[in-house]
Amino acid sequence: MVIRPLRALLGLWFILCLGGFSTPAEVDRTTAYLIDEEIARILPEIIKIRRFLHMNPELSNREFETSKLVASQLLSMGFEIKTGIARTGVIGLLR
């Protein structure tokens, strides 16, 4: 299952974090509009992902399918990943 909207949402999050923006007022209107547009475009797929995760709950520290999903998304974005952290944790390294 390929979930590109998750990649886009993570990308937007990284842009905002790495861009040094501390408040929404510091983002220029054009950038804010583009971000809102992208979120609106991917929102239906994000909702599908959320529903999938909620329909397939996993016990704490046994989130094997969720870990696979996160790891595959991070790999598809070019991250180096480390899995099995505290059993089901995933770390994405951006180099």
N, C-alpha and C. Protein backbone atom coordinates (compact mmCIF):
# COMPACT_ATOMS: atom_id res chain seq x y z
N MET A 1 0.84 -1.18 0.00
CA MET A 1 0.00 0.00 0.00
C MET A 1 0.89 1.24 0.00
N VAL A 2 0.81 2.03 -1.06
CA VAL A 2 1.62 3.24 -1.17
C VAL A 2 0.80 4.41 -0.65
N ILE A 3 1.38 5.14 0.27
CA ILE A 3 0.66 6.26 0.87
C ILE A 3 1.47 7.53 0.67
N ARG A 4 1.33 8.12 -0.49
CA ARG A 4 2.09 9.32 -0.82
C ARG A 4 1.66 10.54 -0.01
N PRO A 5 0.37 10.71 0.33
CA PRO A 5 -0.01 11.88 1.10
C PRO A 5 0.71 11.97 2.45
N LEU A 6 0.99 10.84 3.07
CA LEU A 6 1.72 10.87 4.33
C LEU A 6 3.10 11.47 4.08
N ARG A 7 3.73 11.11 2.98
CA ARG A 7 5.03 11.65 2.62
C ARG A 7 4.94 13.16 2.43
N ALA A 8 3.90 13.61 1.75
CA ALA A 8 3.73 15.05 1.52
C ALA A 8 3.51 15.79 2.83
N LEU A 9 2.69 15.25 3.70
CA LEU A 9 2.43 15.90 4.98
C LEU A 9 3.68 15.95 5.84
N LEU A 10 4.45 14.85 5.85
CA LEU A 10 5.72 14.86 6.58
C LEU A 10 6.68 15.88 5.98
N GLY A 11 6.68 15.97 4.66
CA GLY A 11 7.54 16.94 3.99
C GLY A 11 7.19 18.37 4.38
N LEU A 12 5.89 18.67 4.42
CA LEU A 12 5.47 20.00 4.84
C LEU A 12 5.90 20.28 6.28
N TRP A 13 5.76 19.28 7.12
CA TRP A 13 6.15 19.42 8.52
C TRP A 13 7.64 19.73 8.61
N PHE A 14 8.46 19.00 7.85
CA PHE A 14 9.90 19.24 7.88
C PHE A 14 10.25 20.62 7.35
N ILE A 15 9.57 21.05 6.30
CA ILE A 15 9.84 22.37 5.75
C ILE A 15 9.58 23.44 6.82
N LEU A 16 8.46 23.32 7.50
CA LEU A 16 8.14 24.30 8.53
C LEU A 16 9.13 24.25 9.69
N CYS A 17 9.49 23.04 10.11
CA CYS A 17 10.42 22.90 11.23
C CYS A 17 11.81 23.40 10.86
N LEU A 18 12.28 22.99 9.71
CA LEU A 18 13.63 23.35 9.30
C LEU A 18 13.72 24.80 8.82
N GLY A 19 12.57 25.35 8.44
CA GLY A 19 12.55 26.73 7.97
C GLY A 19 12.69 27.73 9.10
N GLY A 20 12.55 27.29 10.33
CA GLY A 20 12.73 28.19 11.46
C GLY A 20 11.51 29.04 11.77
N PHE A 21 10.36 28.71 11.22
CA PHE A 21 9.16 29.48 11.50
C PHE A 21 8.68 29.14 12.90
N SER A 22 8.49 30.14 13.72
CA SER A 22 8.03 29.87 15.07
C SER A 22 6.55 30.14 15.25
N THR A 23 5.98 30.97 14.40
CA THR A 23 4.54 31.24 14.49
C THR A 23 3.97 31.30 13.08
N PRO A 24 2.68 31.02 12.94
CA PRO A 24 2.08 31.11 11.60
C PRO A 24 2.20 32.49 10.98
N ALA A 25 2.26 33.54 11.79
CA ALA A 25 2.36 34.90 11.26
C ALA A 25 3.67 35.12 10.52
N GLU A 26 4.69 34.32 10.82
CA GLU A 26 5.99 34.48 10.17
C GLU A 26 6.04 33.82 8.79
N VAL A 27 5.06 33.04 8.45
CA VAL A 27 4.99 32.42 7.13
C VAL A 27 4.31 33.40 6.19
N ASP A 28 4.93 33.71 5.07
CA ASP A 28 4.29 34.66 4.16
C ASP A 28 2.99 34.08 3.61
N ARG A 29 2.13 34.93 3.15
CA ARG A 29 0.78 34.52 2.71
C ARG A 29 0.82 33.52 1.55
N THR A 30 1.74 33.72 0.62
CA THR A 30 1.83 32.80 -0.51
C THR A 30 2.20 31.40 -0.04
N THR A 31 3.19 31.31 0.83
CA THR A 31 3.60 30.01 1.36
C THR A 31 2.46 29.38 2.15
N ALA A 32 1.79 30.16 2.96
CA ALA A 32 0.67 29.66 3.75
C ALA A 32 -0.43 29.13 2.82
N TYR A 33 -0.71 29.85 1.75
CA TYR A 33 -1.73 29.43 0.79
C TYR A 33 -1.33 28.11 0.13
N LEU A 34 -0.07 28.00 -0.27
CA LEU A 34 0.41 26.77 -0.91
C LEU A 34 0.33 25.57 0.04
N ILE A 35 0.67 25.81 1.29
CA ILE A 35 0.58 24.73 2.29
C ILE A 35 -0.87 24.32 2.48
N ASP A 36 -1.76 25.30 2.63
CA ASP A 36 -3.19 24.99 2.79
C ASP A 36 -3.74 24.23 1.58
N GLU A 37 -3.31 24.63 0.39
CA GLU A 37 -3.74 23.96 -0.83
C GLU A 37 -3.28 22.50 -0.86
N GLU A 38 -2.03 22.26 -0.48
CA GLU A 38 -1.48 20.91 -0.47
C GLU A 38 -2.18 20.04 0.57
N ILE A 39 -2.44 20.61 1.74
CA ILE A 39 -3.15 19.87 2.78
C ILE A 39 -4.55 19.50 2.30
N ALA A 40 -5.25 20.44 1.67
CA ALA A 40 -6.59 20.16 1.16
C ALA A 40 -6.55 19.06 0.10
N ARG A 41 -5.49 19.05 -0.71
CA ARG A 41 -5.37 18.05 -1.77
C ARG A 41 -5.16 16.65 -1.19
N ILE A 42 -4.36 16.54 -0.14
CA ILE A 42 -4.03 15.21 0.40
C ILE A 42 -4.92 14.79 1.56
N LEU A 43 -5.77 15.68 2.05
CA LEU A 43 -6.59 15.38 3.22
C LEU A 43 -7.42 14.10 3.08
N PRO A 44 -8.08 13.85 1.95
CA PRO A 44 -8.85 12.60 1.85
C PRO A 44 -8.00 11.34 2.06
N GLU A 45 -6.78 11.35 1.53
CA GLU A 45 -5.91 10.18 1.71
C GLU A 45 -5.42 10.07 3.15
N ILE A 46 -5.15 11.21 3.78
CA ILE A 46 -4.75 11.20 5.19
C ILE A 46 -5.88 10.62 6.04
N ILE A 47 -7.10 10.98 5.72
CA ILE A 47 -8.25 10.43 6.45
C ILE A 47 -8.33 8.92 6.25
N LYS A 48 -8.06 8.44 5.03
CA LYS A 48 -8.04 7.00 4.78
C LYS A 48 -6.99 6.29 5.63
N ILE A 49 -5.81 6.91 5.74
CA ILE A 49 -4.74 6.33 6.55
C ILE A 49 -5.17 6.26 8.01
N ARG A 50 -5.74 7.36 8.50
CA ARG A 50 -6.20 7.39 9.89
C ARG A 50 -7.25 6.31 10.13
N ARG A 51 -8.19 6.19 9.22
CA ARG A 51 -9.24 5.17 9.38
C ARG A 51 -8.65 3.77 9.33
N PHE A 52 -7.70 3.54 8.44
CA PHE A 52 -7.04 2.24 8.36
C PHE A 52 -6.38 1.91 9.70
N LEU A 53 -5.64 2.87 10.25
CA LEU A 53 -4.95 2.63 11.52
C LEU A 53 -5.94 2.38 12.65
N HIS A 54 -7.05 3.10 12.65
CA HIS A 54 -8.04 2.91 13.70
C HIS A 54 -8.83 1.61 13.54
N MET A 55 -8.99 1.14 12.30
CA MET A 55 -9.69 -0.12 12.08
C MET A 55 -8.79 -1.33 12.33
N ASN A 56 -7.49 -1.09 12.42
CA ASN A 56 -6.52 -2.15 12.66
C ASN A 56 -5.66 -1.81 13.87
N PRO A 57 -6.29 -1.71 15.04
CA PRO A 57 -5.53 -1.30 16.22
C PRO A 57 -4.50 -2.36 16.62
N GLU A 58 -3.44 -1.88 17.21
CA GLU A 58 -2.39 -2.77 17.70
C GLU A 58 -2.10 -2.41 19.15
N LEU A 59 -1.78 -3.40 19.93
CA LEU A 59 -1.46 -3.16 21.32
C LEU A 59 -0.15 -2.40 21.46
N SER A 60 -0.04 -1.68 22.56
CA SER A 60 1.17 -0.92 22.83
C SER A 60 2.40 -1.83 22.81
N ASN A 61 3.44 -1.35 22.15
CA ASN A 61 4.70 -2.08 21.99
C ASN A 61 4.54 -3.32 21.11
N ARG A 62 3.44 -3.39 20.38
CA ARG A 62 3.21 -4.48 19.41
C ARG A 62 2.65 -3.91 18.11
N GLU A 63 3.07 -2.72 17.79
CA GLU A 63 2.57 -2.02 16.60
C GLU A 63 3.38 -2.39 15.37
N PHE A 64 3.43 -3.67 15.06
CA PHE A 64 4.28 -4.16 13.98
C PHE A 64 3.84 -3.65 12.60
N GLU A 65 2.54 -3.66 12.32
CA GLU A 65 2.05 -3.20 11.02
C GLU A 65 2.21 -1.69 10.89
N THR A 66 1.96 -0.98 11.96
CA THR A 66 2.15 0.47 11.94
C THR A 66 3.62 0.81 11.71
N SER A 67 4.51 0.08 12.35
CA SER A 67 5.95 0.29 12.16
C SER A 67 6.35 0.05 10.71
N LYS A 68 5.80 -1.00 10.11
CA LYS A 68 6.11 -1.28 8.70
C LYS A 68 5.64 -0.14 7.81
N LEU A 69 4.45 0.37 8.10
CA LEU A 69 3.90 1.48 7.32
C LEU A 69 4.80 2.71 7.43
N VAL A 70 5.18 3.07 8.63
CA VAL A 70 6.03 4.25 8.85
C VAL A 70 7.40 4.03 8.20
N ALA A 71 7.98 2.86 8.39
CA ALA A 71 9.30 2.58 7.81
C ALA A 71 9.27 2.66 6.29
N SER A 72 8.23 2.11 5.67
CA SER A 72 8.15 2.13 4.21
C SER A 72 8.01 3.56 3.70
N GLN A 73 7.24 4.38 4.41
CA GLN A 73 7.08 5.78 3.99
C GLN A 73 8.40 6.54 4.12
N LEU A 74 9.09 6.32 5.22
CA LEU A 74 10.38 7.00 5.41
C LEU A 74 11.39 6.57 4.35
N LEU A 75 11.42 5.27 4.04
CA LEU A 75 12.32 4.78 2.99
C LEU A 75 12.00 5.42 1.64
N SER A 76 10.71 5.52 1.33
CA SER A 76 10.30 6.09 0.05
C SER A 76 10.67 7.57 -0.06
N MET A 77 10.88 8.23 1.07
CA MET A 77 11.28 9.64 1.07
C MET A 77 12.80 9.79 1.11
N GLY A 78 13.52 8.67 1.10
CA GLY A 78 14.97 8.73 1.07
C GLY A 78 15.65 8.76 2.43
N PHE A 79 14.89 8.49 3.47
CA PHE A 79 15.48 8.45 4.80
C PHE A 79 16.20 7.13 5.01
N GLU A 80 17.24 7.18 5.78
CA GLU A 80 17.87 5.96 6.28
C GLU A 80 17.06 5.59 7.52
N ILE A 81 16.67 4.32 7.65
CA ILE A 81 15.84 3.97 8.79
C ILE A 81 16.52 2.98 9.70
N LYS A 82 16.13 3.04 10.93
CA LYS A 82 16.54 2.07 11.94
C LYS A 82 15.23 1.55 12.53
N THR A 83 15.08 0.23 12.53
CA THR A 83 13.86 -0.36 13.07
C THR A 83 14.19 -1.20 14.30
N GLY A 84 13.14 -1.62 14.98
CA GLY A 84 13.33 -2.47 16.15
C GLY A 84 13.77 -1.70 17.39
N ILE A 85 13.66 -0.40 17.35
CA ILE A 85 14.02 0.42 18.50
C ILE A 85 12.94 0.22 19.56
N ALA A 86 13.33 -0.26 20.72
CA ALA A 86 12.37 -0.56 21.79
C ALA A 86 11.26 -1.46 21.24
N ARG A 87 11.64 -2.38 20.42
CA ARG A 87 10.80 -3.43 19.83
C ARG A 87 10.10 -3.02 18.53
N THR A 88 9.27 -1.97 18.57
CA THR A 88 8.53 -1.61 17.36
C THR A 88 8.80 -0.18 16.89
N GLY A 89 9.75 0.49 17.50
CA GLY A 89 10.04 1.87 17.12
C GLY A 89 10.77 1.97 15.79
N VAL A 90 10.60 3.11 15.16
CA VAL A 90 11.26 3.39 13.88
C VAL A 90 11.89 4.77 13.98
N ILE A 91 13.13 4.85 13.52
CA ILE A 91 13.82 6.14 13.47
C ILE A 91 14.18 6.40 12.02
N GLY A 92 13.88 7.60 11.55
CA GLY A 92 14.26 8.00 10.21
C GLY A 92 15.39 9.00 10.29
N LEU A 93 16.51 8.69 9.65
CA LEU A 93 17.67 9.58 9.65
C LEU A 93 17.77 10.31 8.32
N LEU A 94 17.74 11.62 8.38
CA LEU A 94 17.88 12.44 7.20
C LEU A 94 19.33 12.93 7.17
N ARG A 95 20.04 12.51 6.15
CA ARG A 95 21.46 12.88 6.06
C ARG A 95 21.69 13.80 4.89
